[in-house]
Amino acid sequence: MAQVLNGIKINSKLWEQFAEQAKRSKTDPARLLADLLRDYLDQKEREQLNRQTIREAKRSGLTQGDDIEGMIKHLRKKRLAKA
């Protein structure tokens, strides 16, 4: 569902530069803006996931030097402790 955001104010000079760049890339400025917003949101989600992964890795007690077998052993011990 598309939504028009009338309350957004963009400096006219900035919008002209943006529209010119969109024109050079043969893209509708509104579509380019939507693509940029989507990319920005995807990037923020990836950053959040990365931070979450780092936190979980720190809590696990594993280091970058741990091999796959070590990680599997660690997970098995963790599961056994819960049971």
PDB file of N, CA and C in Angstrom:
ATOM      1  N   MET A   1       0.840  -1.171   0.000  1.00  0.00           N
ATOM      2  CA  MET A   1       0.000   0.000   0.000  1.00  0.00           C
ATOM      3  C   MET A   1       0.891   1.242   0.000  1.00  0.00           C
ATOM      4  N   ALA A   2       0.699   2.080  -0.969  1.00  0.00           N
ATOM      5  CA  ALA A   2       1.487   3.312  -1.071  1.00  0.00           C
ATOM      6  C   ALA A   2       0.879   4.384  -0.186  1.00  0.00           C
ATOM      7  N   GLN A   3       1.738   5.239   0.312  1.00  0.00           N
ATOM      8  CA  GLN A   3       1.265   6.340   1.155  1.00  0.00           C
ATOM      9  C   GLN A   3       1.992   7.610   0.744  1.00  0.00           C
ATOM     10  N   VAL A   4       1.244   8.675   0.579  1.00  0.00           N
ATOM     11  CA  VAL A   4       1.823   9.973   0.243  1.00  0.00           C
ATOM     12  C   VAL A   4       2.089  10.698   1.555  1.00  0.00           C
ATOM     13  N   LEU A   5       3.296  11.141   1.720  1.00  0.00           N
ATOM     14  CA  LEU A   5       3.675  11.838   2.945  1.00  0.00           C
ATOM     15  C   LEU A   5       3.790  13.327   2.649  1.00  0.00           C
ATOM     16  N   ASN A   6       2.705  14.027   2.836  1.00  0.00           N
ATOM     17  CA  ASN A   6       2.673  15.450   2.521  1.00  0.00           C
ATOM     18  C   ASN A   6       3.463  16.279   3.513  1.00  0.00           C
ATOM     19  N   GLY A   7       3.690  15.784   4.706  1.00  0.00           N
ATOM     20  CA  GLY A   7       4.354  16.559   5.731  1.00  0.00           C
ATOM     21  C   GLY A   7       5.860  16.621   5.597  1.00  0.00           C
ATOM     22  N   ILE A   8       6.424  15.872   4.696  1.00  0.00           N
ATOM     23  CA  ILE A   8       7.882  15.864   4.537  1.00  0.00           C
ATOM     24  C   ILE A   8       8.316  17.086   3.744  1.00  0.00           C
ATOM     25  N   LYS A   9       9.284  17.794   4.289  1.00  0.00           N
ATOM     26  CA  LYS A   9       9.822  18.965   3.602  1.00  0.00           C
ATOM     27  C   LYS A   9      11.266  18.670   3.215  1.00  0.00           C
ATOM     28  N   ILE A  10      11.575  18.867   1.952  1.00  0.00           N
ATOM     29  CA  ILE A  10      12.927  18.665   1.444  1.00  0.00           C
ATOM     30  C   ILE A  10      13.371  19.976   0.807  1.00  0.00           C
ATOM     31  N   ASN A  11      14.550  20.403   1.161  1.00  0.00           N
ATOM     32  CA  ASN A  11      15.125  21.613   0.586  1.00  0.00           C
ATOM     33  C   ASN A  11      15.030  21.515  -0.937  1.00  0.00           C
ATOM     34  N   SER A  12      14.518  22.567  -1.576  1.00  0.00           N
ATOM     35  CA  SER A  12      14.283  22.518  -3.022  1.00  0.00           C
ATOM     36  C   SER A  12      15.575  22.289  -3.804  1.00  0.00           C
ATOM     37  N   LYS A  13      16.678  22.882  -3.352  1.00  0.00           N
ATOM     38  CA  LYS A  13      17.949  22.678  -4.048  1.00  0.00           C
ATOM     39  C   LYS A  13      18.390  21.218  -3.940  1.00  0.00           C
ATOM     40  N   LEU A  14      18.210  20.655  -2.766  1.00  0.00           N
ATOM     41  CA  LEU A  14      18.556  19.247  -2.561  1.00  0.00           C
ATOM     42  C   LEU A  14      17.694  18.349  -3.433  1.00  0.00           C
ATOM     43  N   TRP A  15      16.391  18.632  -3.490  1.00  0.00           N
ATOM     44  CA  TRP A  15      15.502  17.826  -4.316  1.00  0.00           C
ATOM     45  C   TRP A  15      15.870  17.957  -5.795  1.00  0.00           C
ATOM     46  N   GLU A  16      16.224  19.147  -6.231  1.00  0.00           N
ATOM     47  CA  GLU A  16      16.632  19.338  -7.630  1.00  0.00           C
ATOM     48  C   GLU A  16      17.863  18.498  -7.950  1.00  0.00           C
ATOM     49  N   GLN A  17      18.838  18.492  -7.048  1.00  0.00           N
ATOM     50  CA  GLN A  17      20.037  17.669  -7.252  1.00  0.00           C
ATOM     51  C   GLN A  17      19.660  16.184  -7.292  1.00  0.00           C
ATOM     52  N   PHE A  18      18.777  15.792  -6.393  1.00  0.00           N
ATOM     53  CA  PHE A  18      18.331  14.402  -6.341  1.00  0.00           C
ATOM     54  C   PHE A  18      17.605  14.024  -7.632  1.00  0.00           C
ATOM     55  N   ALA A  19      16.691  14.881  -8.076  1.00  0.00           N
ATOM     56  CA  ALA A  19      15.933  14.630  -9.304  1.00  0.00           C
ATOM     57  C   ALA A  19      16.855  14.572 -10.509  1.00  0.00           C
ATOM     58  N   GLU A  20      17.874  15.428 -10.529  1.00  0.00           N
ATOM     59  CA  GLU A  20      18.840  15.414 -11.630  1.00  0.00           C
ATOM     60  C   GLU A  20      19.611  14.094 -11.654  1.00  0.00           C
ATOM     61  N   GLN A  21      20.013  13.633 -10.497  1.00  0.00           N
ATOM     62  CA  GLN A  21      20.720  12.350 -10.421  1.00  0.00           C
ATOM     63  C   GLN A  21      19.808  11.217 -10.865  1.00  0.00           C
ATOM     64  N   ALA A  22      18.552  11.269 -10.471  1.00  0.00           N
ATOM     65  CA  ALA A  22      17.593  10.245 -10.888  1.00  0.00           C
ATOM     66  C   ALA A  22      17.426  10.271 -12.402  1.00  0.00           C
ATOM     67  N   LYS A  23      17.374  11.481 -12.951  1.00  0.00           N
ATOM     68  CA  LYS A  23      17.226  11.626 -14.401  1.00  0.00           C
ATOM     69  C   LYS A  23      18.432  11.021 -15.125  1.00  0.00           C
ATOM     70  N   ARG A  24      19.645  11.248 -14.585  1.00  0.00           N
ATOM     71  CA  ARG A  24      20.853  10.690 -15.193  1.00  0.00           C
ATOM     72  C   ARG A  24      20.827   9.163 -15.192  1.00  0.00           C
ATOM     73  N   SER A  25      20.250   8.615 -14.142  1.00  0.00           N
ATOM     74  CA  SER A  25      20.192   7.150 -14.061  1.00  0.00           C
ATOM     75  C   SER A  25      18.896   6.611 -14.668  1.00  0.00           C
ATOM     76  N   LYS A  26      18.141   7.500 -15.302  1.00  0.00           N
ATOM     77  CA  LYS A  26      16.896   7.145 -15.984  1.00  0.00           C
ATOM     78  C   LYS A  26      15.919   6.453 -15.033  1.00  0.00           C
ATOM     79  N   THR A  27      15.778   7.042 -13.848  1.00  0.00           N
ATOM     80  CA  THR A  27      14.880   6.511 -12.827  1.00  0.00           C
ATOM     81  C   THR A  27      13.954   7.611 -12.345  1.00  0.00           C
ATOM     82  N   ASP A  28      12.711   7.252 -12.083  1.00  0.00           N
ATOM     83  CA  ASP A  28      11.759   8.198 -11.519  1.00  0.00           C
ATOM     84  C   ASP A  28      12.247   8.598 -10.131  1.00  0.00           C
ATOM     85  N   PRO A  29      12.307   9.910  -9.825  1.00  0.00           N
ATOM     86  CA  PRO A  29      12.805  10.342  -8.519  1.00  0.00           C
ATOM     87  C   PRO A  29      12.064   9.697  -7.333  1.00  0.00           C
ATOM     88  N   ALA A  30      10.753   9.551  -7.458  1.00  0.00           N
ATOM     89  CA  ALA A  30       9.985   8.942  -6.367  1.00  0.00           C
ATOM     90  C   ALA A  30      10.382   7.481  -6.178  1.00  0.00           C
ATOM     91  N   ARG A  31      10.604   6.797  -7.288  1.00  0.00           N
ATOM     92  CA  ARG A  31      11.015   5.390  -7.199  1.00  0.00           C
ATOM     93  C   ARG A  31      12.427   5.276  -6.613  1.00  0.00           C
ATOM     94  N   LEU A  32      13.316   6.166  -7.043  1.00  0.00           N
ATOM     95  CA  LEU A  32      14.675   6.164  -6.512  1.00  0.00           C
ATOM     96  C   LEU A  32      14.658   6.430  -5.009  1.00  0.00           C
ATOM     97  N   LEU A  33      13.826   7.362  -4.576  1.00  0.00           N
ATOM     98  CA  LEU A  33      13.717   7.662  -3.151  1.00  0.00           C
ATOM     99  C   LEU A  33      13.195   6.439  -2.388  1.00  0.00           C
ATOM    100  N   ALA A  34      12.200   5.771  -2.937  1.00  0.00           N
ATOM    101  CA  ALA A  34      11.670   4.561  -2.298  1.00  0.00           C
ATOM    102  C   ALA A  34      12.750   3.487  -2.207  1.00  0.00           C
ATOM    103  N   ASP A  35      13.541   3.328  -3.283  1.00  0.00           N
ATOM    104  CA  ASP A  35      14.635   2.351  -3.268  1.00  0.00           C
ATOM    105  C   ASP A  35      15.680   2.700  -2.212  1.00  0.00           C
ATOM    106  N   LEU A  36      16.008   3.987  -2.109  1.00  0.00           N
ATOM    107  CA  LEU A  36      16.982   4.426  -1.109  1.00  0.00           C
ATOM    108  C   LEU A  36      16.476   4.171   0.308  1.00  0.00           C
ATOM    109  N   LEU A  37      15.207   4.451   0.554  1.00  0.00           N
ATOM    110  CA  LEU A  37      14.627   4.200   1.877  1.00  0.00           C
ATOM    111  C   LEU A  37      14.655   2.699   2.195  1.00  0.00           C
ATOM    112  N   ARG A  38      14.324   1.877   1.203  1.00  0.00           N
ATOM    113  CA  ARG A  38      14.348   0.428   1.397  1.00  0.00           C
ATOM    114  C   ARG A  38      15.765  -0.042   1.710  1.00  0.00           C
ATOM    115  N   ASP A  39      16.741   0.455   0.969  1.00  0.00           N
ATOM    116  CA  ASP A  39      18.141   0.090   1.219  1.00  0.00           C
ATOM    117  C   ASP A  39      18.583   0.525   2.609  1.00  0.00           C
ATOM    118  N   TYR A  40      18.161   1.721   3.014  1.00  0.00           N
ATOM    119  CA  TYR A  40      18.518   2.231   4.333  1.00  0.00           C
ATOM    120  C   TYR A  40      17.939   1.331   5.431  1.00  0.00           C
ATOM    121  N   LEU A  41      16.675   0.963   5.281  1.00  0.00           N
ATOM    122  CA  LEU A  41      16.043   0.109   6.279  1.00  0.00           C
ATOM    123  C   LEU A  41      16.695  -1.279   6.322  1.00  0.00           C
ATOM    124  N   ASP A  42      17.034  -1.817   5.152  1.00  0.00           N
ATOM    125  CA  ASP A  42      17.735  -3.109   5.106  1.00  0.00           C
ATOM    126  C   ASP A  42      19.082  -3.022   5.808  1.00  0.00           C
ATOM    127  N   GLN A  43      19.801  -1.937   5.570  1.00  0.00           N
ATOM    128  CA  GLN A  43      21.109  -1.751   6.205  1.00  0.00           C
ATOM    129  C   GLN A  43      20.973  -1.682   7.724  1.00  0.00           C
ATOM    130  N   LYS A  44      19.984  -0.928   8.201  1.00  0.00           N
ATOM    131  CA  LYS A  44      19.766  -0.821   9.649  1.00  0.00           C
ATOM    132  C   LYS A  44      19.413  -2.178  10.247  1.00  0.00           C
ATOM    133  N   GLU A  45      18.627  -2.963   9.533  1.00  0.00           N
ATOM    134  CA  GLU A  45      18.264  -4.295  10.023  1.00  0.00           C
ATOM    135  C   GLU A  45      19.496  -5.203  10.086  1.00  0.00           C
ATOM    136  N   ARG A  46      20.342  -5.127   9.058  1.00  0.00           N
ATOM    137  CA  ARG A  46      21.581  -5.924   9.066  1.00  0.00           C
ATOM    138  C   ARG A  46      22.489  -5.509  10.213  1.00  0.00           C
ATOM    139  N   GLU A  47      22.587  -4.202  10.463  1.00  0.00           N
ATOM    140  CA  GLU A  47      23.417  -3.718  11.567  1.00  0.00           C
ATOM    141  C   GLU A  47      22.884  -4.213  12.908  1.00  0.00           C
ATOM    142  N   GLN A  48      21.574  -4.192  13.068  1.00  0.00           N
ATOM    143  CA  GLN A  48      20.966  -4.661  14.313  1.00  0.00           C
ATOM    144  C   GLN A  48      21.212  -6.163  14.488  1.00  0.00           C
ATOM    145  N   LEU A  49      21.058  -6.923  13.412  1.00  0.00           N
ATOM    146  CA  LEU A  49      21.321  -8.354  13.466  1.00  0.00           C
ATOM    147  C   LEU A  49      22.774  -8.635  13.812  1.00  0.00           C
ATOM    148  N   ASN A  50      23.675  -7.850  13.254  1.00  0.00           N
ATOM    149  CA  ASN A  50      25.102  -8.008  13.522  1.00  0.00           C
ATOM    150  C   ASN A  50      25.398  -7.743  14.997  1.00  0.00           C
ATOM    151  N   ARG A  51      24.822  -6.666  15.543  1.00  0.00           N
ATOM    152  CA  ARG A  51      25.021  -6.361  16.965  1.00  0.00           C
ATOM    153  C   ARG A  51      24.466  -7.476  17.845  1.00  0.00           C
ATOM    154  N   GLN A  52      23.298  -7.999  17.472  1.00  0.00           N
ATOM    155  CA  GLN A  52      22.683  -9.086  18.235  1.00  0.00           C
ATOM    156  C   GLN A  52      23.560 -10.343  18.171  1.00  0.00           C
ATOM    157  N   THR A  53      24.090 -10.647  17.012  1.00  0.00           N
ATOM    158  CA  THR A  53      24.956 -11.814  16.848  1.00  0.00           C
ATOM    159  C   THR A  53      26.216 -11.673  17.692  1.00  0.00           C
ATOM    160  N   ILE A  54      26.789 -10.485  17.699  1.00  0.00           N
ATOM    161  CA  ILE A  54      27.995 -10.234  18.499  1.00  0.00           C
ATOM    162  C   ILE A  54      27.695 -10.420  19.980  1.00  0.00           C
ATOM    163  N   ARG A  55      26.551  -9.879  20.444  1.00  0.00           N
ATOM    164  CA  ARG A  55      26.175 -10.043  21.859  1.00  0.00           C
ATOM    165  C   ARG A  55      26.014 -11.521  22.211  1.00  0.00           C
ATOM    166  N   GLU A  56      25.327 -12.269  21.354  1.00  0.00           N
ATOM    167  CA  GLU A  56      25.104 -13.690  21.610  1.00  0.00           C
ATOM    168  C   GLU A  56      26.413 -14.466  21.577  1.00  0.00           C
ATOM    169  N   ALA A  57      27.300 -14.092  20.676  1.00  0.00           N
ATOM    170  CA  ALA A  57      28.597 -14.764  20.600  1.00  0.00           C
ATOM    171  C   ALA A  57      29.408 -14.519  21.871  1.00  0.00           C
ATOM    172  N   LYS A  58      29.352 -13.295  22.386  1.00  0.00           N
ATOM    173  CA  LYS A  58      30.075 -12.980  23.623  1.00  0.00           C
ATOM    174  C   LYS A  58      29.514 -13.769  24.794  1.00  0.00           C
ATOM    175  N   ARG A  59      28.181 -13.914  24.852  1.00  0.00           N
ATOM    176  CA  ARG A  59      27.547 -14.658  25.941  1.00  0.00           C
ATOM    177  C   ARG A  59      27.859 -16.146  25.871  1.00  0.00           C
ATOM    178  N   SER A  60      28.103 -16.661  24.674  1.00  0.00           N
ATOM    179  CA  SER A  60      28.313 -18.104  24.514  1.00  0.00           C
ATOM    180  C   SER A  60      29.652 -18.554  25.072  1.00  0.00           C
ATOM    181  N   GLY A  61      30.590 -17.622  25.199  1.00  0.00           N
ATOM    182  CA  GLY A  61      31.915 -17.991  25.688  1.00  0.00           C
ATOM    183  C   GLY A  61      32.833 -18.528  24.604  1.00  0.00           C
ATOM    184  N   LEU A  62      32.334 -18.610  23.379  1.00  0.00           N
ATOM    185  CA  LEU A  62      33.158 -19.084  22.266  1.00  0.00           C
ATOM    186  C   LEU A  62      33.993 -17.930  21.721  1.00  0.00           C
ATOM    187  N   THR A  63      35.121 -18.260  21.133  1.00  0.00           N
ATOM    188  CA  THR A  63      35.970 -17.249  20.516  1.00  0.00           C
ATOM    189  C   THR A  63      36.068 -17.515  19.025  1.00  0.00           C
ATOM    190  N   GLN A  64      36.652 -16.578  18.303  1.00  0.00           N
ATOM    191  CA  GLN A  64      36.803 -16.763  16.864  1.00  0.00           C
ATOM    192  C   GLN A  64      37.688 -17.959  16.548  1.00  0.00           C
ATOM    193  N   GLY A  65      38.568 -18.300  17.457  1.00  0.00           N
ATOM    194  CA  GLY A  65      39.473 -19.416  17.227  1.00  0.00           C
ATOM    195  C   GLY A  65      38.828 -20.787  17.417  1.00  0.00           C
ATOM    196  N   ASP A  66      37.620 -20.822  17.988  1.00  0.00           N
ATOM    197  CA  ASP A  66      36.942 -22.102  18.182  1.00  0.00           C
ATOM    198  C   ASP A  66      36.563 -22.693  16.835  1.00  0.00           C
ATOM    199  N   ASP A  67      36.773 -24.017  16.723  1.00  0.00           N
ATOM    200  CA  ASP A  67      36.409 -24.676  15.478  1.00  0.00           C
ATOM    201  C   ASP A  67      34.973 -25.195  15.559  1.00  0.00           C
ATOM    202  N   ILE A  68      34.498 -25.745  14.470  1.00  0.00           N
ATOM    203  CA  ILE A  68      33.116 -26.231  14.395  1.00  0.00           C
ATOM    204  C   ILE A  68      32.875 -27.330  15.435  1.00  0.00           C
ATOM    205  N   GLU A  69      33.816 -28.243  15.571  1.00  0.00           N
ATOM    206  CA  GLU A  69      33.648 -29.327  16.536  1.00  0.00           C
ATOM    207  C   GLU A  69      33.518 -28.778  17.956  1.00  0.00           C
ATOM    208  N   GLY A  70      34.308 -27.760  18.275  1.00  0.00           N
ATOM    209  CA  GLY A  70      34.232 -27.144  19.587  1.00  0.00           C
ATOM    210  C   GLY A  70      32.885 -26.484  19.824  1.00  0.00           C
ATOM    211  N   MET A  71      32.360 -25.834  18.797  1.00  0.00           N
ATOM    212  CA  MET A  71      31.055 -25.190  18.926  1.00  0.00           C
ATOM    213  C   MET A  71      29.954 -26.232  19.114  1.00  0.00           C
ATOM    214  N   ILE A  72      30.043 -27.338  18.373  1.00  0.00           N
ATOM    215  CA  ILE A  72      29.038 -28.396  18.504  1.00  0.00           C
ATOM    216  C   ILE A  72      29.078 -28.991  19.906  1.00  0.00           C
ATOM    217  N   LYS A  73      30.278 -29.253  20.421  1.00  0.00           N
ATOM    218  CA  LYS A  73      30.408 -29.772  21.782  1.00  0.00           C
ATOM    219  C   LYS A  73      29.808 -28.808  22.796  1.00  0.00           C
ATOM    220  N   HIS A  74      30.076 -27.526  22.600  1.00  0.00           N
ATOM    221  CA  HIS A  74      29.549 -26.505  23.505  1.00  0.00           C
ATOM    222  C   HIS A  74      28.015 -26.519  23.487  1.00  0.00           C
ATOM    223  N   LEU A  75      27.421 -26.585  22.294  1.00  0.00           N
ATOM    224  CA  LEU A  75      25.961 -26.596  22.185  1.00  0.00           C
ATOM    225  C   LEU A  75      25.367 -27.856  22.800  1.00  0.00           C
ATOM    226  N   ARG A  76      26.040 -29.004  22.610  1.00  0.00           N
ATOM    227  CA  ARG A  76      25.545 -30.248  23.208  1.00  0.00           C
ATOM    228  C   ARG A  76      25.578 -30.170  24.728  1.00  0.00           C
ATOM    229  N   LYS A  77      26.659 -29.634  25.294  1.00  0.00           N
ATOM    230  CA  LYS A  77      26.753 -29.479  26.743  1.00  0.00           C
ATOM    231  C   LYS A  77      25.650 -28.562  27.256  1.00  0.00           C
ATOM    232  N   LYS A  78      25.400 -27.513  26.506  1.00  0.00           N
ATOM    233  CA  LYS A  78      24.377 -26.544  26.891  1.00  0.00           C
ATOM    234  C   LYS A  78      22.989 -27.208  26.893  1.00  0.00           C
ATOM    235  N   ARG A  79      22.711 -28.030  25.866  1.00  0.00           N
ATOM    236  CA  ARG A  79      21.429 -28.729  25.797  1.00  0.00           C
ATOM    237  C   ARG A  79      21.286 -29.737  26.922  1.00  0.00           C
ATOM    238  N   LEU A  80      22.360 -30.453  27.219  1.00  0.00           N
ATOM    239  CA  LEU A  80      22.317 -31.443  28.287  1.00  0.00           C
ATOM    240  C   LEU A  80      22.077 -30.772  29.628  1.00  0.00           C
ATOM    241  N   ALA A  81      22.654 -29.604  29.830  1.00  0.00           N
ATOM    242  CA  ALA A  81      22.480 -28.884  31.084  1.00  0.00           C
ATOM    243  C   ALA A  81      21.037 -28.445  31.274  1.00  0.00           C
ATOM    244  N   LYS A  82      20.357 -28.144  30.186  1.00  0.00           N
ATOM    245  CA  LYS A  82      18.955 -27.729  30.261  1.00  0.00           C
ATOM    246  C   LYS A  82      18.031 -28.907  30.572  1.00  0.00           C
ATOM    247  N   ALA A  83      18.420 -30.100  30.140  1.00  0.00           N
ATOM    248  CA  ALA A  83      17.555 -31.293  30.306  1.00  0.00           C
ATOM    249  C   ALA A  83      17.555 -31.831  31.696  1.00  0.00           C
TER     250      ALA A  83
END
